């Protein structure tokens, strides 16, 4: 199967005052989209990439389901979303700085587990 190309060309993330929209069009699979309301978010985790060949990942947990929503930071709009998450206080800014300088394959969550 052919590669769909760089992540930023087929994985799009947008947000507004109501929430986050993912619009994904992998070339070899069915396209899909979904919406995550800000008000439903209960935890955010940030996972640093295993190495430079991979993207850092944002995991969004909501009160609506047990599975998280995965958003690669290299997605179109991923970096802007990460900034908005911090701005909204959904992830601690000091922890975000620690995560940005952490070793590969590290996981940080906010709020921390009880």
PDB file of N, CA and C in Angstrom:
ATOM      1  N   UNK A   1       0.830  -1.194   0.000  1.00  0.00           N
ATOM      2  CA  UNK A   1       0.000   0.000   0.000  1.00  0.00           C
ATOM      3  C   UNK A   1       0.868   1.249   0.000  1.00  0.00           C
ATOM      4  N   UNK A   2       0.430   2.234  -0.702  1.00  0.00           N
ATOM      5  CA  UNK A   2       1.174   3.486  -0.793  1.00  0.00           C
ATOM      6  C   UNK A   2       1.002   4.304   0.480  1.00  0.00           C
ATOM      7  N   UNK A   3       2.062   4.993   0.847  1.00  0.00           N
ATOM      8  CA  UNK A   3       2.011   5.868   2.009  1.00  0.00           C
ATOM      9  C   UNK A   3       1.144   7.079   1.679  1.00  0.00           C
ATOM     10  N   UNK A   4       0.336   7.550   2.639  1.00  0.00           N
ATOM     11  CA  UNK A   4      -0.505   8.717   2.368  1.00  0.00           C
ATOM     12  C   UNK A   4       0.278  10.025   2.355  1.00  0.00           C
ATOM     13  N   UNK A   5       1.588   9.984   2.581  1.00  0.00           N
ATOM     14  CA  UNK A   5       2.411  11.190   2.575  1.00  0.00           C
ATOM     15  C   UNK A   5       2.611  11.721   3.980  1.00  0.00           C
ATOM     16  N   UNK A   6       3.218  12.906   4.080  1.00  0.00           N
ATOM     17  CA  UNK A   6       3.462  13.486   5.405  1.00  0.00           C
ATOM     18  C   UNK A   6       2.165  13.647   6.198  1.00  0.00           C
ATOM     19  N   UNK A   7       2.263  13.398   7.493  1.00  0.00           N
ATOM     20  CA  UNK A   7       1.114  13.465   8.390  1.00  0.00           C
ATOM     21  C   UNK A   7       0.331  14.773   8.246  1.00  0.00           C
ATOM     22  N   UNK A   8       1.033  15.869   8.120  1.00  0.00           N
ATOM     23  CA  UNK A   8       0.368  17.175   8.054  1.00  0.00           C
ATOM     24  C   UNK A   8      -0.458  17.377   6.787  1.00  0.00           C
ATOM     25  N   UNK A   9      -0.313  16.506   5.809  1.00  0.00           N
ATOM     26  CA  UNK A   9      -1.104  16.639   4.585  1.00  0.00           C
ATOM     27  C   UNK A   9      -2.434  15.884   4.652  1.00  0.00           C
ATOM     28  N   UNK A  10      -2.581  14.976   5.625  1.00  0.00           N
ATOM     29  CA  UNK A  10      -3.816  14.189   5.682  1.00  0.00           C
ATOM     30  C   UNK A  10      -4.470  14.120   7.061  1.00  0.00           C
ATOM     31  N   UNK A  11      -3.798  14.600   8.100  1.00  0.00           N
ATOM     32  CA  UNK A  11      -4.373  14.598   9.451  1.00  0.00           C
ATOM     33  C   UNK A  11      -4.509  16.058   9.876  1.00  0.00           C
ATOM     34  N   UNK A  12      -5.755  16.541   9.926  1.00  0.00           N
ATOM     35  CA  UNK A  12      -6.028  17.956  10.199  1.00  0.00           C
ATOM     36  C   UNK A  12      -6.777  18.107  11.519  1.00  0.00           C
ATOM     37  N   UNK A  13      -6.334  19.091  12.319  1.00  0.00           N
ATOM     38  CA  UNK A  13      -6.937  19.361  13.614  1.00  0.00           C
ATOM     39  C   UNK A  13      -7.318  20.840  13.659  1.00  0.00           C
ATOM     40  N   UNK A  14      -8.543  21.108  14.044  1.00  0.00           N
ATOM     41  CA  UNK A  14      -9.016  22.486  14.199  1.00  0.00           C
ATOM     42  C   UNK A  14      -9.727  22.584  15.536  1.00  0.00           C
ATOM     43  N   UNK A  15      -9.824  23.800  16.060  1.00  0.00           N
ATOM     44  CA  UNK A  15     -10.560  24.010  17.304  1.00  0.00           C
ATOM     45  C   UNK A  15     -11.220  25.373  17.259  1.00  0.00           C
ATOM     46  N   UNK A  16     -12.275  25.502  18.055  1.00  0.00           N
ATOM     47  CA  UNK A  16     -12.972  26.774  18.212  1.00  0.00           C
ATOM     48  C   UNK A  16     -13.409  26.875  19.667  1.00  0.00           C
ATOM     49  N   UNK A  17     -14.302  27.777  19.962  1.00  0.00           N
ATOM     50  CA  UNK A  17     -14.731  27.971  21.351  1.00  0.00           C
ATOM     51  C   UNK A  17     -15.479  26.759  21.909  1.00  0.00           C
ATOM     52  N   UNK A  18     -15.980  25.872  21.050  1.00  0.00           N
ATOM     53  CA  UNK A  18     -16.751  24.708  21.494  1.00  0.00           C
ATOM     54  C   UNK A  18     -15.925  23.438  21.677  1.00  0.00           C
ATOM     55  N   UNK A  19     -14.869  23.284  20.878  1.00  0.00           N
ATOM     56  CA  UNK A  19     -14.087  22.065  20.992  1.00  0.00           C
ATOM     57  C   UNK A  19     -13.132  21.841  19.845  1.00  0.00           C
ATOM     58  N   UNK A  20     -12.725  20.600  19.704  1.00  0.00           N
ATOM     59  CA  UNK A  20     -11.690  20.179  18.769  1.00  0.00           C
ATOM     60  C   UNK A  20     -12.305  19.283  17.694  1.00  0.00           C
ATOM     61  N   UNK A  21     -11.935  19.514  16.446  1.00  0.00           N
ATOM     62  CA  UNK A  21     -12.376  18.671  15.342  1.00  0.00           C
ATOM     63  C   UNK A  21     -11.160  18.020  14.698  1.00  0.00           C
ATOM     64  N   UNK A  22     -11.233  16.700  14.522  1.00  0.00           N
ATOM     65  CA  UNK A  22     -10.209  15.973  13.775  1.00  0.00           C
ATOM     66  C   UNK A  22     -10.812  15.594  12.424  1.00  0.00           C
ATOM     67  N   UNK A  23     -10.077  15.863  11.363  1.00  0.00           N
ATOM     68  CA  UNK A  23     -10.495  15.540  10.005  1.00  0.00           C
ATOM     69  C   UNK A  23      -9.323  14.801   9.361  1.00  0.00           C
ATOM     70  N   UNK A  24      -9.496  13.489   9.172  1.00  0.00           N
ATOM     71  CA  UNK A  24      -8.385  12.630   8.791  1.00  0.00           C
ATOM     72  C   UNK A  24      -8.683  11.943   7.459  1.00  0.00           C
ATOM     73  N   UNK A  25      -7.727  12.056   6.537  1.00  0.00           N
ATOM     74  CA  UNK A  25      -7.893  11.491   5.193  1.00  0.00           C
ATOM     75  C   UNK A  25      -6.672  10.673   4.787  1.00  0.00           C
ATOM     76  N   UNK A  26      -6.437   9.526   5.462  1.00  0.00           N
ATOM     77  CA  UNK A  26      -5.299   8.697   5.038  1.00  0.00           C
ATOM     78  C   UNK A  26      -5.567   8.157   3.641  1.00  0.00           C
ATOM     79  N   UNK A  27      -4.589   8.214   2.797  1.00  0.00           N
ATOM     80  CA  UNK A  27      -4.784   7.844   1.395  1.00  0.00           C
ATOM     81  C   UNK A  27      -5.241   6.426   1.162  1.00  0.00           C
ATOM     82  N   UNK A  28      -4.858   5.500   2.046  1.00  0.00           N
ATOM     83  CA  UNK A  28      -5.165   4.095   1.824  1.00  0.00           C
ATOM     84  C   UNK A  28      -6.342   3.584   2.655  1.00  0.00           C
ATOM     85  N   UNK A  29      -7.012   4.485   3.395  1.00  0.00           N
ATOM     86  CA  UNK A  29      -8.136   4.089   4.250  1.00  0.00           C
ATOM     87  C   UNK A  29      -9.275   5.092   4.103  1.00  0.00           C
ATOM     88  N   UNK A  30     -10.428   4.726   4.649  1.00  0.00           N
ATOM     89  CA  UNK A  30     -11.584   5.621   4.629  1.00  0.00           C
ATOM     90  C   UNK A  30     -11.307   6.885   5.445  1.00  0.00           C
ATOM     91  N   UNK A  31     -11.660   8.059   4.924  1.00  0.00           N
ATOM     92  CA  UNK A  31     -11.523   9.278   5.719  1.00  0.00           C
ATOM     93  C   UNK A  31     -12.542   9.292   6.853  1.00  0.00           C
ATOM     94  N   UNK A  32     -12.232  10.029   7.913  1.00  0.00           N
ATOM     95  CA  UNK A  32     -13.138  10.132   9.045  1.00  0.00           C
ATOM     96  C   UNK A  32     -12.923  11.464   9.748  1.00  0.00           C
ATOM     97  N   UNK A  33     -13.919  11.838  10.541  1.00  0.00           N
ATOM     98  CA  UNK A  33     -13.801  13.048  11.352  1.00  0.00           C
ATOM     99  C   UNK A  33     -14.592  12.856  12.638  1.00  0.00           C
ATOM    100  N   UNK A  34     -14.206  13.616  13.666  1.00  0.00           N
ATOM    101  CA  UNK A  34     -14.949  13.588  14.916  1.00  0.00           C
ATOM    102  C   UNK A  34     -14.767  14.915  15.641  1.00  0.00           C
ATOM    103  N   UNK A  35     -15.474  15.062  16.738  1.00  0.00           N
ATOM    104  CA  UNK A  35     -15.487  16.310  17.497  1.00  0.00           C
ATOM    105  C   UNK A  35     -15.367  16.003  18.984  1.00  0.00           C
ATOM    106  N   UNK A  36     -14.510  16.766  19.679  1.00  0.00           N
ATOM    107  CA  UNK A  36     -14.317  16.614  21.118  1.00  0.00           C
ATOM    108  C   UNK A  36     -14.675  17.942  21.782  1.00  0.00           C
ATOM    109  N   UNK A  37     -15.752  18.001  22.561  1.00  0.00           N
ATOM    110  CA  UNK A  37     -16.098  19.247  23.255  1.00  0.00           C
ATOM    111  C   UNK A  37     -15.098  19.551  24.379  1.00  0.00           C
ATOM    112  N   UNK A  38     -14.688  20.808  24.492  1.00  0.00           N
ATOM    113  CA  UNK A  38     -13.791  21.207  25.584  1.00  0.00           C
ATOM    114  C   UNK A  38     -14.361  20.796  26.936  1.00  0.00           C
ATOM    115  N   UNK A  39     -15.664  20.983  27.107  1.00  0.00           N
ATOM    116  CA  UNK A  39     -16.308  20.742  28.406  1.00  0.00           C
ATOM    117  C   UNK A  39     -16.257  19.275  28.833  1.00  0.00           C
ATOM    118  N   UNK A  40     -16.023  18.360  27.917  1.00  0.00           N
ATOM    119  CA  UNK A  40     -15.999  16.924  28.232  1.00  0.00           C
ATOM    120  C   UNK A  40     -14.599  16.411  28.568  1.00  0.00           C
ATOM    121  N   UNK A  41     -13.565  17.239  28.381  1.00  0.00           N
ATOM    122  CA  UNK A  41     -12.190  16.800  28.610  1.00  0.00           C
ATOM    123  C   UNK A  41     -11.916  16.687  30.105  1.00  0.00           C
ATOM    124  N   UNK A  42     -11.399  15.528  30.510  1.00  0.00           N
ATOM    125  CA  UNK A  42     -11.103  15.297  31.933  1.00  0.00           C
ATOM    126  C   UNK A  42      -9.609  15.102  32.194  1.00  0.00           C
ATOM    127  N   UNK A  43      -8.844  14.731  31.193  1.00  0.00           N
ATOM    128  CA  UNK A  43      -7.401  14.544  31.356  1.00  0.00           C
ATOM    129  C   UNK A  43      -6.723  14.637  29.996  1.00  0.00           C
ATOM    130  N   UNK A  44      -5.494  15.152  30.019  1.00  0.00           N
ATOM    131  CA  UNK A  44      -4.661  15.227  28.821  1.00  0.00           C
ATOM    132  C   UNK A  44      -3.329  14.573  29.145  1.00  0.00           C
ATOM    133  N   UNK A  45      -2.850  13.725  28.252  1.00  0.00           N
ATOM    134  CA  UNK A  45      -1.510  13.153  28.386  1.00  0.00           C
ATOM    135  C   UNK A  45      -0.690  13.537  27.160  1.00  0.00           C
ATOM    136  N   UNK A  46       0.588  13.766  27.391  1.00  0.00           N
ATOM    137  CA  UNK A  46       1.523  14.111  26.320  1.00  0.00           C
ATOM    138  C   UNK A  46       2.621  13.070  26.332  1.00  0.00           C
ATOM    139  N   UNK A  47       2.842  12.432  25.188  1.00  0.00           N
ATOM    140  CA  UNK A  47       3.867  11.391  25.073  1.00  0.00           C
ATOM    141  C   UNK A  47       4.921  11.867  24.084  1.00  0.00           C
ATOM    142  N   UNK A  48       6.167  11.899  24.552  1.00  0.00           N
ATOM    143  CA  UNK A  48       7.248  12.293  23.656  1.00  0.00           C
ATOM    144  C   UNK A  48       7.518  11.159  22.671  1.00  0.00           C
ATOM    145  N   UNK A  49       7.986  11.515  21.513  1.00  0.00           N
ATOM    146  CA  UNK A  49       8.230  10.544  20.452  1.00  0.00           C
ATOM    147  C   UNK A  49       9.318   9.548  20.850  1.00  0.00           C
ATOM    148  N   UNK A  50       9.214   8.353  20.275  1.00  0.00           N
ATOM    149  CA  UNK A  50      10.225   7.318  20.521  1.00  0.00           C
ATOM    150  C   UNK A  50      11.577   7.735  19.969  1.00  0.00           C
ATOM    151  N   UNK A  51      11.561   8.436  18.850  1.00  0.00           N
ATOM    152  CA  UNK A  51      12.772   8.993  18.262  1.00  0.00           C
ATOM    153  C   UNK A  51      12.374  10.067  17.262  1.00  0.00           C
ATOM    154  N   UNK A  52      13.328  10.622  16.565  1.00  0.00           N
ATOM    155  CA  UNK A  52      13.050  11.747  15.660  1.00  0.00           C
ATOM    156  C   UNK A  52      12.208  11.370  14.446  1.00  0.00           C
ATOM    157  N   UNK A  53      12.019  10.087  14.205  1.00  0.00           N
ATOM    158  CA  UNK A  53      11.220   9.642  13.060  1.00  0.00           C
ATOM    159  C   UNK A  53       9.718   9.669  13.365  1.00  0.00           C
ATOM    160  N   UNK A  54       9.353   9.888  14.629  1.00  0.00           N
ATOM    161  CA  UNK A  54       7.955   9.854  15.036  1.00  0.00           C
ATOM    162  C   UNK A  54       7.528  11.199  15.601  1.00  0.00           C
ATOM    163  N   UNK A  55       6.235  11.389  15.731  1.00  0.00           N
ATOM    164  CA  UNK A  55       5.656  12.617  16.273  1.00  0.00           C
ATOM    165  C   UNK A  55       5.378  12.462  17.762  1.00  0.00           C
ATOM    166  N   UNK A  56       5.493  13.571  18.509  1.00  0.00           N
ATOM    167  CA  UNK A  56       4.967  13.576  19.866  1.00  0.00           C
ATOM    168  C   UNK A  56       3.449  13.393  19.749  1.00  0.00           C
ATOM    169  N   UNK A  57       2.812  12.916  20.825  1.00  0.00           N
ATOM    170  CA  UNK A  57       1.383  12.610  20.759  1.00  0.00           C
ATOM    171  C   UNK A  57       0.624  13.225  21.930  1.00  0.00           C
ATOM    172  N   UNK A  58      -0.557  13.718  21.629  1.00  0.00           N
ATOM    173  CA  UNK A  58      -1.467  14.248  22.640  1.00  0.00           C
ATOM    174  C   UNK A  58      -2.611  13.245  22.774  1.00  0.00           C
ATOM    175  N   UNK A  59      -2.866  12.808  24.006  1.00  0.00           N
ATOM    176  CA  UNK A  59      -3.980  11.903  24.289  1.00  0.00           C
ATOM    177  C   UNK A  59      -5.018  12.690  25.084  1.00  0.00           C
ATOM    178  N   UNK A  60      -6.230  12.763  24.564  1.00  0.00           N
ATOM    179  CA  UNK A  60      -7.299  13.515  25.223  1.00  0.00           C
ATOM    180  C   UNK A  60      -8.330  12.525  25.744  1.00  0.00           C
ATOM    181  N   UNK A  61      -8.548  12.569  27.048  1.00  0.00           N
ATOM    182  CA  UNK A  61      -9.540  11.703  27.692  1.00  0.00           C
ATOM    183  C   UNK A  61     -10.770  12.543  28.027  1.00  0.00           C
ATOM    184  N   UNK A  62     -11.936  11.974  27.763  1.00  0.00           N
ATOM    185  CA  UNK A  62     -13.192  12.687  28.024  1.00  0.00           C
ATOM    186  C   UNK A  62     -14.094  11.869  28.939  1.00  0.00           C
ATOM    187  N   UNK A  63     -15.119  12.513  29.417  1.00  0.00           N
ATOM    188  CA  UNK A  63     -16.107  11.826  30.258  1.00  0.00           C
ATOM    189  C   UNK A  63     -17.071  10.984  29.425  1.00  0.00           C
ATOM    190  N   UNK A  64     -16.988  11.065  28.107  1.00  0.00           N
ATOM    191  CA  UNK A  64     -17.911  10.343  27.224  1.00  0.00           C
ATOM    192  C   UNK A  64     -17.502   8.921  26.881  1.00  0.00           C
ATOM    193  N   UNK A  65     -16.198   8.611  27.001  1.00  0.00           N
ATOM    194  CA  UNK A  65     -15.742   7.275  26.619  1.00  0.00           C
ATOM    195  C   UNK A  65     -14.444   6.935  27.337  1.00  0.00           C
ATOM    196  N   UNK A  66     -14.128   5.651  27.416  1.00  0.00           N
ATOM    197  CA  UNK A  66     -12.912   5.229  28.110  1.00  0.00           C
ATOM    198  C   UNK A  66     -11.669   5.398  27.235  1.00  0.00           C
ATOM    199  N   UNK A  67     -11.832   5.279  25.912  1.00  0.00           N
ATOM    200  CA  UNK A  67     -10.700   5.433  25.011  1.00  0.00           C
ATOM    201  C   UNK A  67     -10.326   6.907  24.891  1.00  0.00           C
ATOM    202  N   UNK A  68      -9.061   7.144  24.648  1.00  0.00           N
ATOM    203  CA  UNK A  68      -8.615   8.521  24.436  1.00  0.00           C
ATOM    204  C   UNK A  68      -8.686   8.873  22.953  1.00  0.00           C
ATOM    205  N   UNK A  69      -8.619  10.154  22.683  1.00  0.00           N
ATOM    206  CA  UNK A  69      -8.480  10.669  21.322  1.00  0.00           C
ATOM    207  C   UNK A  69      -6.999  10.961  21.133  1.00  0.00           C
ATOM    208  N   UNK A  70      -6.397  10.429  20.095  1.00  0.00           N
ATOM    209  CA  UNK A  70      -4.982  10.621  19.832  1.00  0.00           C
ATOM    210  C   UNK A  70      -4.800  11.700  18.764  1.00  0.00           C
ATOM    211  N   UNK A  71      -3.933  12.667  19.067  1.00  0.00           N
ATOM    212  CA  UNK A  71      -3.620  13.712  18.097  1.00  0.00           C
ATOM    213  C   UNK A  71      -2.103  13.864  18.036  1.00  0.00           C
ATOM    214  N   UNK A  72      -1.494  13.522  16.904  1.00  0.00           N
ATOM    215  CA  UNK A  72      -0.058  13.736  16.751  1.00  0.00           C
ATOM    216  C   UNK A  72       0.228  15.239  16.656  1.00  0.00           C
ATOM    217  N   UNK A  73       1.297  15.687  17.303  1.00  0.00           N
ATOM    218  CA  UNK A  73       1.600  17.121  17.242  1.00  0.00           C
ATOM    219  C   UNK A  73       2.038  17.552  15.847  1.00  0.00           C
ATOM    220  N   UNK A  74       2.471  16.617  15.018  1.00  0.00           N
ATOM    221  CA  UNK A  74       2.865  16.953  13.645  1.00  0.00           C
ATOM    222  C   UNK A  74       1.678  17.029  12.696  1.00  0.00           C
ATOM    223  N   UNK A  75       0.479  16.745  13.176  1.00  0.00           N
ATOM    224  CA  UNK A  75      -0.716  16.909  12.350  1.00  0.00           C
ATOM    225  C   UNK A  75      -0.878  18.388  12.010  1.00  0.00           C
ATOM    226  N   UNK A  76      -1.530  18.679  10.917  1.00  0.00           N
ATOM    227  CA  UNK A  76      -1.857  20.058  10.560  1.00  0.00           C
ATOM    228  C   UNK A  76      -2.720  20.641  11.679  1.00  0.00           C
ATOM    229  N   UNK A  77      -2.223  21.651  12.379  1.00  0.00           N
ATOM    230  CA  UNK A  77      -2.944  22.249  13.494  1.00  0.00           C
ATOM    231  C   UNK A  77      -2.597  21.648  14.846  1.00  0.00           C
ATOM    232  N   UNK A  78      -1.749  20.616  14.888  1.00  0.00           N
ATOM    233  CA  UNK A  78      -1.400  19.942  16.136  1.00  0.00           C
ATOM    234  C   UNK A  78      -0.654  20.833  17.117  1.00  0.00           C
ATOM    235  N   UNK A  79       0.324  21.573  16.647  1.00  0.00           N
ATOM    236  CA  UNK A  79       1.095  22.463  17.528  1.00  0.00           C
ATOM    237  C   UNK A  79       0.213  23.586  18.070  1.00  0.00           C
ATOM    238  N   UNK A  80      -0.655  24.120  17.223  1.00  0.00           N
ATOM    239  CA  UNK A  80      -1.580  25.176  17.663  1.00  0.00           C
ATOM    240  C   UNK A  80      -2.548  24.644  18.715  1.00  0.00           C
ATOM    241  N   UNK A  81      -3.002  23.410  18.526  1.00  0.00           N
ATOM    242  CA  UNK A  81      -3.893  22.797  19.513  1.00  0.00           C
ATOM    243  C   UNK A  81      -3.171  22.645  20.849  1.00  0.00           C
ATOM    244  N   UNK A  82      -1.924  22.184  20.831  1.00  0.00           N
ATOM    245  CA  UNK A  82      -1.174  22.005  22.071  1.00  0.00           C
ATOM    246  C   UNK A  82      -1.063  23.336  22.819  1.00  0.00           C
ATOM    247  N   UNK A  83      -0.786  24.418  22.105  1.00  0.00           N
ATOM    248  CA  UNK A  83      -0.729  25.753  22.720  1.00  0.00           C
ATOM    249  C   UNK A  83      -2.074  26.140  23.328  1.00  0.00           C
ATOM    250  N   UNK A  84      -3.163  25.823  22.635  1.00  0.00           N
ATOM    251  CA  UNK A  84      -4.508  26.145  23.136  1.00  0.00           C
ATOM    252  C   UNK A  84      -4.843  25.332  24.381  1.00  0.00           C
ATOM    253  N   UNK A  85      -4.447  24.077  24.404  1.00  0.00           N
ATOM    254  CA  UNK A  85      -4.678  23.224  25.574  1.00  0.00           C
ATOM    255  C   UNK A  85      -4.001  23.829  26.799  1.00  0.00           C
ATOM    256  N   UNK A  86      -2.776  24.277  26.636  1.00  0.00           N
ATOM    257  CA  UNK A  86      -2.043  24.901  27.749  1.00  0.00           C
ATOM    258  C   UNK A  86      -2.695  26.226  28.129  1.00  0.00           C
ATOM    259  N   UNK A  87      -3.051  27.022  27.143  1.00  0.00           N
ATOM    260  CA  UNK A  87      -3.702  28.317  27.391  1.00  0.00           C
ATOM    261  C   UNK A  87      -4.999  28.144  28.176  1.00  0.00           C
ATOM    262  N   UNK A  88      -5.757  27.095  27.879  1.00  0.00           N
ATOM    263  CA  UNK A  88      -7.030  26.834  28.562  1.00  0.00           C
ATOM    264  C   UNK A  88      -6.845  26.186  29.943  1.00  0.00           C
ATOM    265  N   UNK A  89      -5.611  25.891  30.319  1.00  0.00           N
ATOM    266  CA  UNK A  89      -5.350  25.284  31.620  1.00  0.00           C
ATOM    267  C   UNK A  89      -5.689  23.807  31.684  1.00  0.00           C
ATOM    268  N   UNK A  90      -5.808  23.155  30.539  1.00  0.00           N
ATOM    269  CA  UNK A  90      -6.116  21.728  30.510  1.00  0.00           C
ATOM    270  C   UNK A  90      -4.868  20.864  30.694  1.00  0.00           C
ATOM    271  N   UNK A  91      -3.704  21.508  30.617  1.00  0.00           N
ATOM    272  CA  UNK A  91      -2.426  20.855  30.881  1.00  0.00           C
ATOM    273  C   UNK A  91      -1.535  21.899  31.528  1.00  0.00           C
ATOM    274  N   UNK A  92      -0.881  21.533  32.608  1.00  0.00           N
ATOM    275  CA  UNK A  92      -0.041  22.460  33.361  1.00  0.00           C
ATOM    276  C   UNK A  92       1.126  22.973  32.510  1.00  0.00           C
ATOM    277  N   UNK A  93       1.313  24.289  32.479  1.00  0.00           N
ATOM    278  CA  UNK A  93       2.356  24.897  31.653  1.00  0.00           C
ATOM    279  C   UNK A  93       3.762  24.469  32.083  1.00  0.00           C
ATOM    280  N   UNK A  94       4.014  24.384  33.385  1.00  0.00           N
ATOM    281  CA  UNK A  94       5.338  23.950  33.861  1.00  0.00           C
ATOM    282  C   UNK A  94       5.609  22.497  33.489  1.00  0.00           C
ATOM    283  N   UNK A  95       4.580  21.667  33.559  1.00  0.00           N
ATOM    284  CA  UNK A  95       4.739  20.269  33.158  1.00  0.00           C
ATOM    285  C   UNK A  95       4.982  20.171  31.653  1.00  0.00           C
ATOM    286  N   UNK A  96       4.366  21.050  30.878  1.00  0.00           N
ATOM    287  CA  UNK A  96       4.572  21.066  29.431  1.00  0.00           C
ATOM    288  C   UNK A  96       6.033  21.393  29.102  1.00  0.00           C
ATOM    289  N   UNK A  97       6.634  22.300  29.852  1.00  0.00           N
ATOM    290  CA  UNK A  97       8.047  22.636  29.647  1.00  0.00           C
ATOM    291  C   UNK A  97       8.915  21.424  29.977  1.00  0.00           C
ATOM    292  N   UNK A  98       8.594  20.762  31.075  1.00  0.00           N
ATOM    293  CA  UNK A  98       9.323  19.550  31.452  1.00  0.00           C
ATOM    294  C   UNK A  98       9.194  18.481  30.360  1.00  0.00           C
ATOM    295  N   UNK A  99       7.987  18.328  29.817  1.00  0.00           N
ATOM    296  CA  UNK A  99       7.747  17.337  28.758  1.00  0.00           C
ATOM    297  C   UNK A  99       8.543  17.671  27.498  1.00  0.00           C
ATOM    298  N   UNK A 100       8.653  18.967  27.180  1.00  0.00           N
ATOM    299  CA  UNK A 100       9.357  19.388  25.970  1.00  0.00           C
ATOM    300  C   UNK A 100      10.847  19.064  26.029  1.00  0.00           C
ATOM    301  N   UNK A 101      11.385  18.945  27.228  1.00  0.00           N
ATOM    302  CA  UNK A 101      12.815  18.669  27.376  1.00  0.00           C
ATOM    303  C   UNK A 101      13.076  17.251  27.884  1.00  0.00           C
ATOM    304  N   UNK A 102      12.060  16.428  27.930  1.00  0.00           N
ATOM    305  CA  UNK A 102      12.175  15.068  28.467  1.00  0.00           C
ATOM    306  C   UNK A 102      12.820  14.123  27.460  1.00  0.00           C
ATOM    307  N   UNK A 103      13.352  13.016  27.974  1.00  0.00           N
ATOM    308  CA  UNK A 103      13.898  12.000  27.072  1.00  0.00           C
ATOM    309  C   UNK A 103      12.798  11.400  26.194  1.00  0.00           C
ATOM    310  N   UNK A 104      13.245  10.719  25.158  1.00  0.00           N
ATOM    311  CA  UNK A 104      12.309  10.077  24.233  1.00  0.00           C
ATOM    312  C   UNK A 104      11.429   9.074  24.962  1.00  0.00           C
ATOM    313  N   UNK A 105      10.203   8.926  24.458  1.00  0.00           N
ATOM    314  CA  UNK A 105       9.249   7.934  24.947  1.00  0.00           C
ATOM    315  C   UNK A 105       8.874   8.135  26.426  1.00  0.00           C
ATOM    316  N   UNK A 106       8.641   9.403  26.808  1.00  0.00           N
ATOM    317  CA  UNK A 106       8.203   9.745  28.164  1.00  0.00           C
ATOM    318  C   UNK A 106       6.735  10.145  28.129  1.00  0.00           C
ATOM    319  N   UNK A 107       6.015   9.910  29.214  1.00  0.00           N
ATOM    320  CA  UNK A 107       4.586  10.215  29.287  1.00  0.00           C
ATOM    321  C   UNK A 107       4.317  11.156  30.459  1.00  0.00           C
ATOM    322  N   UNK A 108       3.519  12.204  30.186  1.00  0.00           N
ATOM    323  CA  UNK A 108       3.139  13.191  31.183  1.00  0.00           C
ATOM    324  C   UNK A 108       1.632  13.387  31.110  1.00  0.00           C
ATOM    325  N   UNK A 109       0.952  13.386  32.257  1.00  0.00           N
ATOM    326  CA  UNK A 109      -0.507  13.540  32.271  1.00  0.00           C
ATOM    327  C   UNK A 109      -0.928  14.656  33.218  1.00  0.00           C
ATOM    328  N   UNK A 110      -2.016  15.346  32.856  1.00  0.00           N
ATOM    329  CA  UNK A 110      -2.602  16.392  33.692  1.00  0.00           C
ATOM    330  C   UNK A 110      -4.107  16.275  33.647  1.00  0.00           C
ATOM    331  N   UNK A 111      -4.793  16.301  34.761  1.00  0.00           N
ATOM    332  CA  UNK A 111      -4.194  16.298  36.088  1.00  0.00           C
ATOM    333  C   UNK A 111      -3.514  14.972  36.370  1.00  0.00           C
ATOM    334  N   UNK A 112      -2.556  15.004  37.331  1.00  0.00           N
ATOM    335  CA  UNK A 112      -1.857  13.759  37.649  1.00  0.00           C
ATOM    336  C   UNK A 112      -2.809  12.730  38.244  1.00  0.00           C
ATOM    337  N   UNK A 113      -2.474  11.457  38.121  1.00  0.00           N
ATOM    338  CA  UNK A 113      -3.342  10.427  38.714  1.00  0.00           C
ATOM    339  C   UNK A 113      -3.455  10.634  40.231  1.00  0.00           C
ATOM    340  N   UNK A 114      -4.595  10.274  40.806  1.00  0.00           N
ATOM    341  CA  UNK A 114      -4.780  10.463  42.264  1.00  0.00           C
ATOM    342  C   UNK A 114      -3.832   9.594  43.075  1.00  0.00           C
TER     343      UNK A 114
END
